[in-house]
PDB file of N, CA and C in Angstrom:
ATOM      1  N   UNK A   1     -10.838  -2.509  -5.824  1.00  0.00           N
ATOM      2  CA  UNK A   1     -11.972  -2.452  -4.933  1.00  0.00           C
ATOM      3  C   UNK A   1     -13.173  -1.794  -5.604  1.00  0.00           C
ATOM      4  N   UNK A   2     -12.911  -0.895  -6.534  1.00  0.00           N
ATOM      5  CA  UNK A   2     -14.015  -0.219  -7.198  1.00  0.00           C
ATOM      6  C   UNK A   2     -14.885  -1.220  -7.960  1.00  0.00           C
ATOM      7  N   UNK A   3     -14.266  -2.171  -8.629  1.00  0.00           N
ATOM      8  CA  UNK A   3     -15.026  -3.186  -9.368  1.00  0.00           C
ATOM      9  C   UNK A   3     -15.872  -4.020  -8.414  1.00  0.00           C
ATOM     10  N   UNK A   4     -15.357  -4.262  -7.217  1.00  0.00           N
ATOM     11  CA  UNK A   4     -16.102  -5.022  -6.214  1.00  0.00           C
ATOM     12  C   UNK A   4     -17.384  -4.291  -5.817  1.00  0.00           C
ATOM     13  N   UNK A   5     -17.266  -3.009  -5.521  1.00  0.00           N
ATOM     14  CA  UNK A   5     -18.438  -2.230  -5.127  1.00  0.00           C
ATOM     15  C   UNK A   5     -19.418  -2.069  -6.287  1.00  0.00           C
ATOM     16  N   UNK A   6     -18.904  -1.933  -7.485  1.00  0.00           N
ATOM     17  CA  UNK A   6     -19.782  -1.855  -8.659  1.00  0.00           C
ATOM     18  C   UNK A   6     -20.556  -3.154  -8.837  1.00  0.00           C
ATOM     19  N   UNK A   7     -19.890  -4.287  -8.622  1.00  0.00           N
ATOM     20  CA  UNK A   7     -20.550  -5.587  -8.766  1.00  0.00           C
ATOM     21  C   UNK A   7     -21.643  -5.761  -7.713  1.00  0.00           C
ATOM     22  N   UNK A   8     -21.379  -5.338  -6.483  1.00  0.00           N
ATOM     23  CA  UNK A   8     -22.395  -5.450  -5.427  1.00  0.00           C
ATOM     24  C   UNK A   8     -23.590  -4.559  -5.745  1.00  0.00           C
ATOM     25  N   UNK A   9     -23.332  -3.334  -6.160  1.00  0.00           N
ATOM     26  CA  UNK A   9     -24.420  -2.416  -6.500  1.00  0.00           C
ATOM     27  C   UNK A   9     -25.238  -2.952  -7.658  1.00  0.00           C
ATOM     28  N   UNK A  10     -24.563  -3.468  -8.662  1.00  0.00           N
ATOM     29  CA  UNK A  10     -25.257  -4.018  -9.829  1.00  0.00           C
ATOM     30  C   UNK A  10     -26.121  -5.215  -9.425  1.00  0.00           C
ATOM     31  N   UNK A  11     -25.555  -6.113  -8.620  1.00  0.00           N
ATOM     32  CA  UNK A  11     -26.303  -7.301  -8.194  1.00  0.00           C
ATOM     33  C   UNK A  11     -27.473  -6.921  -7.289  1.00  0.00           C
ATOM     34  N   UNK A  12     -27.291  -5.926  -6.453  1.00  0.00           N
ATOM     35  CA  UNK A  12     -28.363  -5.511  -5.549  1.00  0.00           C
ATOM     36  C   UNK A  12     -29.527  -4.872  -6.302  1.00  0.00           C
ATOM     37  N   UNK A  13     -29.242  -4.256  -7.432  1.00  0.00           N
ATOM     38  CA  UNK A  13     -30.299  -3.630  -8.226  1.00  0.00           C
ATOM     39  C   UNK A  13     -31.045  -4.616  -9.110  1.00  0.00           C
ATOM     40  N   UNK A  14     -30.541  -5.832  -9.237  1.00  0.00           N
ATOM     41  CA  UNK A  14     -31.198  -6.859 -10.048  1.00  0.00           C
ATOM     42  C   UNK A  14     -32.152  -7.661  -9.178  1.00  0.00           C
ATOM     43  N   UNK A  15     -33.376  -7.789  -9.624  1.00  0.00           N
ATOM     44  CA  UNK A  15     -34.399  -8.523  -8.881  1.00  0.00           C
ATOM     45  C   UNK A  15     -34.642  -9.859  -9.578  1.00  0.00           C
ATOM     46  N   UNK A  16     -34.557 -10.942  -8.802  1.00  0.00           N
ATOM     47  CA  UNK A  16     -34.789 -12.286  -9.326  1.00  0.00           C
ATOM     48  C   UNK A  16     -35.697 -13.009  -8.346  1.00  0.00           C
ATOM     49  N   UNK A  17     -36.818 -13.498  -8.836  1.00  0.00           N
ATOM     50  CA  UNK A  17     -37.829 -14.155  -7.997  1.00  0.00           C
ATOM     51  C   UNK A  17     -38.298 -13.242  -6.863  1.00  0.00           C
ATOM     52  N   UNK A  18     -38.381 -11.961  -7.130  1.00  0.00           N
ATOM     53  CA  UNK A  18     -38.884 -11.006  -6.151  1.00  0.00           C
ATOM     54  C   UNK A  18     -37.872 -10.556  -5.111  1.00  0.00           C
ATOM     55  N   UNK A  19     -36.644 -10.985  -5.227  1.00  0.00           N
ATOM     56  CA  UNK A  19     -35.601 -10.622  -4.257  1.00  0.00           C
ATOM     57  C   UNK A  19     -34.382 -10.065  -4.982  1.00  0.00           C
ATOM     58  N   UNK A  20     -33.656  -9.167  -4.330  1.00  0.00           N
ATOM     59  CA  UNK A  20     -32.382  -8.744  -4.929  1.00  0.00           C
ATOM     60  C   UNK A  20     -31.436  -9.944  -5.034  1.00  0.00           C
ATOM     61  N   UNK A  21     -30.622  -9.949  -6.044  1.00  0.00           N
ATOM     62  CA  UNK A  21     -29.710 -11.075  -6.263  1.00  0.00           C
ATOM     63  C   UNK A  21     -28.769 -11.252  -5.072  1.00  0.00           C
ATOM     64  N   UNK A  22     -28.453 -10.176  -4.379  1.00  0.00           N
ATOM     65  CA  UNK A  22     -27.539 -10.267  -3.236  1.00  0.00           C
ATOM     66  C   UNK A  22     -28.150 -10.994  -2.041  1.00  0.00           C
ATOM     67  N   UNK A  23     -29.439 -11.299  -2.076  1.00  0.00           N
ATOM     68  CA  UNK A  23     -30.063 -12.057  -0.990  1.00  0.00           C
ATOM     69  C   UNK A  23     -29.815 -13.557  -1.099  1.00  0.00           C
ATOM     70  N   UNK A  24     -29.322 -14.029  -2.231  1.00  0.00           N
ATOM     71  CA  UNK A  24     -29.083 -15.460  -2.407  1.00  0.00           C
ATOM     72  C   UNK A  24     -27.767 -15.857  -1.742  1.00  0.00           C
ATOM     73  N   UNK A  25     -27.785 -16.954  -0.984  1.00  0.00           N
ATOM     74  CA  UNK A  25     -26.589 -17.335  -0.214  1.00  0.00           C
ATOM     75  C   UNK A  25     -25.349 -17.596  -1.073  1.00  0.00           C
ATOM     76  N   UNK A  26     -25.520 -18.203  -2.233  1.00  0.00           N
ATOM     77  CA  UNK A  26     -24.342 -18.504  -3.050  1.00  0.00           C
ATOM     78  C   UNK A  26     -23.728 -17.232  -3.639  1.00  0.00           C
ATOM     79  N   UNK A  27     -24.550 -16.216  -3.874  1.00  0.00           N
ATOM     80  CA  UNK A  27     -24.026 -14.940  -4.366  1.00  0.00           C
ATOM     81  C   UNK A  27     -23.276 -14.231  -3.244  1.00  0.00           C
ATOM     82  N   UNK A  28     -23.847 -14.263  -2.056  1.00  0.00           N
ATOM     83  CA  UNK A  28     -23.158 -13.660  -0.908  1.00  0.00           C
ATOM     84  C   UNK A  28     -21.830 -14.354  -0.637  1.00  0.00           C
ATOM     85  N   UNK A  29     -21.818 -15.677  -0.758  1.00  0.00           N
ATOM     86  CA  UNK A  29     -20.576 -16.425  -0.537  1.00  0.00           C
ATOM     87  C   UNK A  29     -19.506 -16.010  -1.544  1.00  0.00           C
ATOM     88  N   UNK A  30     -19.916 -15.785  -2.784  1.00  0.00           N
ATOM     89  CA  UNK A  30     -18.955 -15.342  -3.801  1.00  0.00           C
ATOM     90  C   UNK A  30     -18.401 -13.962  -3.471  1.00  0.00           C
ATOM     91  N   UNK A  31     -19.267 -13.069  -3.001  1.00  0.00           N
ATOM     92  CA  UNK A  31     -18.805 -11.729  -2.634  1.00  0.00           C
ATOM     93  C   UNK A  31     -17.873 -11.769  -1.418  1.00  0.00           C
ATOM     94  N   UNK A  32     -18.188 -12.611  -0.447  1.00  0.00           N
ATOM     95  CA  UNK A  32     -17.325 -12.735   0.733  1.00  0.00           C
ATOM     96  C   UNK A  32     -15.961 -13.286   0.327  1.00  0.00           C
ATOM     97  N   UNK A  33     -15.966 -14.298  -0.537  1.00  0.00           N
ATOM     98  CA  UNK A  33     -14.706 -14.873  -1.006  1.00  0.00           C
ATOM     99  C   UNK A  33     -13.888 -13.840  -1.778  1.00  0.00           C
ATOM    100  N   UNK A  34     -14.553 -13.084  -2.638  1.00  0.00           N
ATOM    101  CA  UNK A  34     -13.858 -12.057  -3.420  1.00  0.00           C
ATOM    102  C   UNK A  34     -13.275 -10.984  -2.504  1.00  0.00           C
ATOM    103  N   UNK A  35     -14.038 -10.562  -1.490  1.00  0.00           N
ATOM    104  CA  UNK A  35     -13.541  -9.531  -0.580  1.00  0.00           C
ATOM    105  C   UNK A  35     -12.357 -10.048   0.237  1.00  0.00           C
ATOM    106  N   UNK A  36     -12.453 -11.292   0.695  1.00  0.00           N
ATOM    107  CA  UNK A  36     -11.348 -11.870   1.465  1.00  0.00           C
ATOM    108  C   UNK A  36     -10.077 -11.934   0.622  1.00  0.00           C
ATOM    109  N   UNK A  37     -10.222 -12.261  -0.653  1.00  0.00           N
ATOM    110  CA  UNK A  37      -9.056 -12.308  -1.540  1.00  0.00           C
ATOM    111  C   UNK A  37      -8.475 -10.908  -1.753  1.00  0.00           C
ATOM    112  N   UNK A  38      -9.339  -9.898  -1.864  1.00  0.00           N
ATOM    113  CA  UNK A  38      -8.851  -8.523  -2.014  1.00  0.00           C
ATOM    114  C   UNK A  38      -8.048  -8.083  -0.792  1.00  0.00           C
ATOM    115  N   UNK A  39      -8.562  -8.382   0.383  1.00  0.00           N
ATOM    116  CA  UNK A  39      -7.863  -8.008   1.616  1.00  0.00           C
ATOM    117  C   UNK A  39      -6.543  -8.765   1.727  1.00  0.00           C
ATOM    118  N   UNK A  40      -6.568 -10.055   1.387  1.00  0.00           N
ATOM    119  CA  UNK A  40      -5.343 -10.857   1.454  1.00  0.00           C
ATOM    120  C   UNK A  40      -4.288 -10.333   0.485  1.00  0.00           C
ATOM    121  N   UNK A  41      -4.717  -9.942  -0.713  1.00  0.00           N
ATOM    122  CA  UNK A  41      -3.762  -9.386  -1.681  1.00  0.00           C
ATOM    123  C   UNK A  41      -3.133  -8.108  -1.143  1.00  0.00           C
ATOM    124  N   UNK A  42      -3.932  -7.277  -0.509  1.00  0.00           N
ATOM    125  CA  UNK A  42      -3.420  -6.024   0.045  1.00  0.00           C
ATOM    126  C   UNK A  42      -2.404  -6.295   1.153  1.00  0.00           C
ATOM    127  N   UNK A  43      -2.725  -7.215   2.050  1.00  0.00           N
ATOM    128  CA  UNK A  43      -1.809  -7.538   3.142  1.00  0.00           C
ATOM    129  C   UNK A  43      -0.518  -8.161   2.618  1.00  0.00           C
ATOM    130  N   UNK A  44      -0.641  -9.028   1.628  1.00  0.00           N
ATOM    131  CA  UNK A  44       0.527  -9.674   1.035  1.00  0.00           C
ATOM    132  C   UNK A  44       1.438  -8.636   0.386  1.00  0.00           C
ATOM    133  N   UNK A  45       0.846  -7.680  -0.297  1.00  0.00           N
ATOM    134  CA  UNK A  45       1.634  -6.618  -0.933  1.00  0.00           C
ATOM    135  C   UNK A  45       2.302  -5.726   0.106  1.00  0.00           C
ATOM    136  N   UNK A  46       1.601  -5.446   1.182  1.00  0.00           N
ATOM    137  CA  UNK A  46       2.193  -4.624   2.247  1.00  0.00           C
ATOM    138  C   UNK A  46       3.402  -5.306   2.872  1.00  0.00           C
ATOM    139  N   UNK A  47       3.355  -6.628   2.947  1.00  0.00           N
ATOM    140  CA  UNK A  47       4.498  -7.360   3.486  1.00  0.00           C
ATOM    141  C   UNK A  47       5.713  -7.194   2.576  1.00  0.00           C
ATOM    142  N   UNK A  48       5.495  -7.237   1.276  1.00  0.00           N
ATOM    143  CA  UNK A  48       6.603  -7.037   0.335  1.00  0.00           C
ATOM    144  C   UNK A  48       7.189  -5.635   0.478  1.00  0.00           C
ATOM    145  N   UNK A  49       6.328  -4.664   0.700  1.00  0.00           N
ATOM    146  CA  UNK A  49       6.801  -3.288   0.898  1.00  0.00           C
ATOM    147  C   UNK A  49       7.652  -3.195   2.160  1.00  0.00           C
ATOM    148  N   UNK A  50       7.211  -3.864   3.229  1.00  0.00           N
ATOM    149  CA  UNK A  50       7.993  -3.853   4.470  1.00  0.00           C
ATOM    150  C   UNK A  50       9.357  -4.510   4.280  1.00  0.00           C
ATOM    151  N   UNK A  51       9.386  -5.616   3.543  1.00  0.00           N
ATOM    152  CA  UNK A  51      10.671  -6.269   3.270  1.00  0.00           C
ATOM    153  C   UNK A  51      11.596  -5.333   2.507  1.00  0.00           C
ATOM    154  N   UNK A  52      11.034  -4.616   1.554  1.00  0.00           N
ATOM    155  CA  UNK A  52      11.842  -3.705   0.747  1.00  0.00           C
ATOM    156  C   UNK A  52      12.381  -2.560   1.599  1.00  0.00           C
ATOM    157  N   UNK A  53      11.560  -2.016   2.463  1.00  0.00           N
ATOM    158  CA  UNK A  53      11.978  -0.880   3.302  1.00  0.00           C
ATOM    159  C   UNK A  53      13.000  -1.272   4.358  1.00  0.00           C
ATOM    160  N   UNK A  54      12.914  -2.493   4.841  1.00  0.00           N
ATOM    161  CA  UNK A  54      13.827  -2.918   5.905  1.00  0.00           C
ATOM    162  C   UNK A  54      15.031  -3.692   5.373  1.00  0.00           C
ATOM    163  N   UNK A  55      15.239  -3.688   4.083  1.00  0.00           N
ATOM    164  CA  UNK A  55      16.328  -4.457   3.488  1.00  0.00           C
ATOM    165  C   UNK A  55      17.690  -3.899   3.897  1.00  0.00           C
ATOM    166  N   UNK A  56      18.597  -4.817   4.106  1.00  0.00           N
ATOM    167  CA  UNK A  56      19.992  -4.470   4.364  1.00  0.00           C
ATOM    168  C   UNK A  56      20.849  -5.263   3.381  1.00  0.00           C
ATOM    169  N   UNK A  57      22.142  -5.089   3.479  1.00  0.00           N
ATOM    170  CA  UNK A  57      23.022  -5.866   2.606  1.00  0.00           C
ATOM    171  C   UNK A  57      22.947  -7.359   2.910  1.00  0.00           C
ATOM    172  N   UNK A  58      22.668  -7.690   4.170  1.00  0.00           N
ATOM    173  CA  UNK A  58      22.574  -9.100   4.553  1.00  0.00           C
ATOM    174  C   UNK A  58      21.173  -9.669   4.370  1.00  0.00           C
ATOM    175  N   UNK A  59      20.172  -8.841   4.522  1.00  0.00           N
ATOM    176  CA  UNK A  59      18.777  -9.296   4.442  1.00  0.00           C
ATOM    177  C   UNK A  59      18.135  -8.710   3.189  1.00  0.00           C
ATOM    178  N   UNK A  60      18.091  -9.495   2.154  1.00  0.00           N
ATOM    179  CA  UNK A  60      17.547  -9.009   0.885  1.00  0.00           C
ATOM    180  C   UNK A  60      16.403  -9.914   0.420  1.00  0.00           C
ATOM    181  N   UNK A  61      15.488 -10.201   1.337  1.00  0.00           N
ATOM    182  CA  UNK A  61      14.350 -11.066   1.012  1.00  0.00           C
ATOM    183  C   UNK A  61      13.478 -10.488  -0.089  1.00  0.00           C
ATOM    184  N   UNK A  62      13.494  -9.188  -0.222  1.00  0.00           N
ATOM    185  CA  UNK A  62      12.632  -8.559  -1.219  1.00  0.00           C
ATOM    186  C   UNK A  62      12.981  -9.011  -2.634  1.00  0.00           C
ATOM    187  N   UNK A  63      14.219  -9.431  -2.866  1.00  0.00           N
ATOM    188  CA  UNK A  63      14.606  -9.892  -4.201  1.00  0.00           C
ATOM    189  C   UNK A  63      13.804 -11.118  -4.624  1.00  0.00           C
ATOM    190  N   UNK A  64      13.428 -11.947  -3.670  1.00  0.00           N
ATOM    191  CA  UNK A  64      12.580 -13.097  -3.965  1.00  0.00           C
ATOM    192  C   UNK A  64      11.107 -12.751  -3.793  1.00  0.00           C
ATOM    193  N   UNK A  65      10.808 -11.953  -2.791  1.00  0.00           N
ATOM    194  CA  UNK A  65       9.408 -11.720  -2.439  1.00  0.00           C
ATOM    195  C   UNK A  65       8.690 -10.828  -3.439  1.00  0.00           C
ATOM    196  N   UNK A  66       9.355  -9.854  -4.034  1.00  0.00           N
ATOM    197  CA  UNK A  66       8.686  -8.971  -4.995  1.00  0.00           C
ATOM    198  C   UNK A  66       8.174  -9.702  -6.226  1.00  0.00           C
ATOM    199  N   UNK A  67       8.956 -10.576  -6.885  1.00  0.00           N
ATOM    200  CA  UNK A  67       8.400 -11.313  -8.027  1.00  0.00           C
ATOM    201  C   UNK A  67       7.274 -12.257  -7.628  1.00  0.00           C
ATOM    202  N   UNK A  68       7.402 -12.873  -6.452  1.00  0.00           N
ATOM    203  CA  UNK A  68       6.337 -13.757  -5.974  1.00  0.00           C
ATOM    204  C   UNK A  68       5.071 -12.946  -5.730  1.00  0.00           C
ATOM    205  N   UNK A  69       5.226 -11.752  -5.170  1.00  0.00           N
ATOM    206  CA  UNK A  69       4.078 -10.881  -4.923  1.00  0.00           C
ATOM    207  C   UNK A  69       3.387 -10.506  -6.220  1.00  0.00           C
ATOM    208  N   UNK A  70       4.155 -10.123  -7.211  1.00  0.00           N
ATOM    209  CA  UNK A  70       3.558  -9.747  -8.493  1.00  0.00           C
ATOM    210  C   UNK A  70       2.777 -10.899  -9.093  1.00  0.00           C
ATOM    211  N   UNK A  71       3.336 -12.087  -9.025  1.00  0.00           N
ATOM    212  CA  UNK A  71       2.670 -13.263  -9.583  1.00  0.00           C
ATOM    213  C   UNK A  71       1.408 -13.604  -8.806  1.00  0.00           C
ATOM    214  N   UNK A  72       1.507 -13.648  -7.488  1.00  0.00           N
ATOM    215  CA  UNK A  72       0.377 -14.063  -6.654  1.00  0.00           C
ATOM    216  C   UNK A  72      -0.755 -13.046  -6.687  1.00  0.00           C
ATOM    217  N   UNK A  73      -0.438 -11.785  -6.587  1.00  0.00           N
ATOM    218  CA  UNK A  73      -1.476 -10.751  -6.596  1.00  0.00           C
ATOM    219  C   UNK A  73      -2.201 -10.743  -7.935  1.00  0.00           C
ATOM    220  N   UNK A  74      -1.471 -10.946  -9.018  1.00  0.00           N
ATOM    221  CA  UNK A  74      -2.105 -10.984 -10.333  1.00  0.00           C
ATOM    222  C   UNK A  74      -3.036 -12.175 -10.463  1.00  0.00           C
ATOM    223  N   UNK A  75      -2.587 -13.349 -10.031  1.00  0.00           N
ATOM    224  CA  UNK A  75      -3.440 -14.540 -10.150  1.00  0.00           C
ATOM    225  C   UNK A  75      -4.668 -14.436  -9.250  1.00  0.00           C
ATOM    226  N   UNK A  76      -4.500 -13.904  -8.047  1.00  0.00           N
ATOM    227  CA  UNK A  76      -5.651 -13.732  -7.157  1.00  0.00           C
ATOM    228  C   UNK A  76      -6.598 -12.664  -7.690  1.00  0.00           C
ATOM    229  N   UNK A  77      -6.058 -11.629  -8.304  1.00  0.00           N
ATOM    230  CA  UNK A  77      -6.906 -10.600  -8.916  1.00  0.00           C
ATOM    231  C   UNK A  77      -7.770 -11.173 -10.022  1.00  0.00           C
ATOM    232  N   UNK A  78      -7.218 -12.088 -10.798  1.00  0.00           N
ATOM    233  CA  UNK A  78      -8.003 -12.740 -11.845  1.00  0.00           C
ATOM    234  C   UNK A  78      -9.127 -13.573 -11.243  1.00  0.00           C
ATOM    235  N   UNK A  79      -8.844 -14.250 -10.127  1.00  0.00           N
ATOM    236  CA  UNK A  79      -9.886 -15.040  -9.458  1.00  0.00           C
ATOM    237  C   UNK A  79     -10.998 -14.138  -8.932  1.00  0.00           C
ATOM    238  N   UNK A  80     -10.622 -12.974  -8.398  1.00  0.00           N
ATOM    239  CA  UNK A  80     -11.624 -12.030  -7.880  1.00  0.00           C
ATOM    240  C   UNK A  80     -12.534 -11.556  -9.003  1.00  0.00           C
ATOM    241  N   UNK A  81     -11.955 -11.204 -10.135  1.00  0.00           N
ATOM    242  CA  UNK A  81     -12.761 -10.740 -11.267  1.00  0.00           C
ATOM    243  C   UNK A  81     -13.686 -11.852 -11.743  1.00  0.00           C
ATOM    244  N   UNK A  82     -13.207 -13.087 -11.742  1.00  0.00           N
ATOM    245  CA  UNK A  82     -14.056 -14.221 -12.127  1.00  0.00           C
ATOM    246  C   UNK A  82     -15.208 -14.394 -11.144  1.00  0.00           C
ATOM    247  N   UNK A  83     -14.942 -14.244  -9.850  1.00  0.00           N
ATOM    248  CA  UNK A  83     -16.001 -14.379  -8.847  1.00  0.00           C
ATOM    249  C   UNK A  83     -17.048 -13.281  -8.977  1.00  0.00           C
ATOM    250  N   UNK A  84     -16.610 -12.093  -9.357  1.00  0.00           N
ATOM    251  CA  UNK A  84     -17.553 -10.979  -9.480  1.00  0.00           C
ATOM    252  C   UNK A  84     -18.382 -11.153 -10.725  1.00  0.00           C
TER     253      UNK A  84
END
């Protein structure tokens, strides 16, 4: 999240055609998309934590969900950095 806020601050301090870069709709759309991906990654990871905490001998979904979480969160994180 720190990189996200740094990117917004940096873009807001840049003036292009007399306006801050954050006033352009396509830049705002990129920031909204990046933020939505950050929130989704957090929620997805929290679900894996819940599976791990509630695991029993019969219910071991975390064995599949943890590797999927690591893969998905990493790939989405790369997309967020690209958007920023």
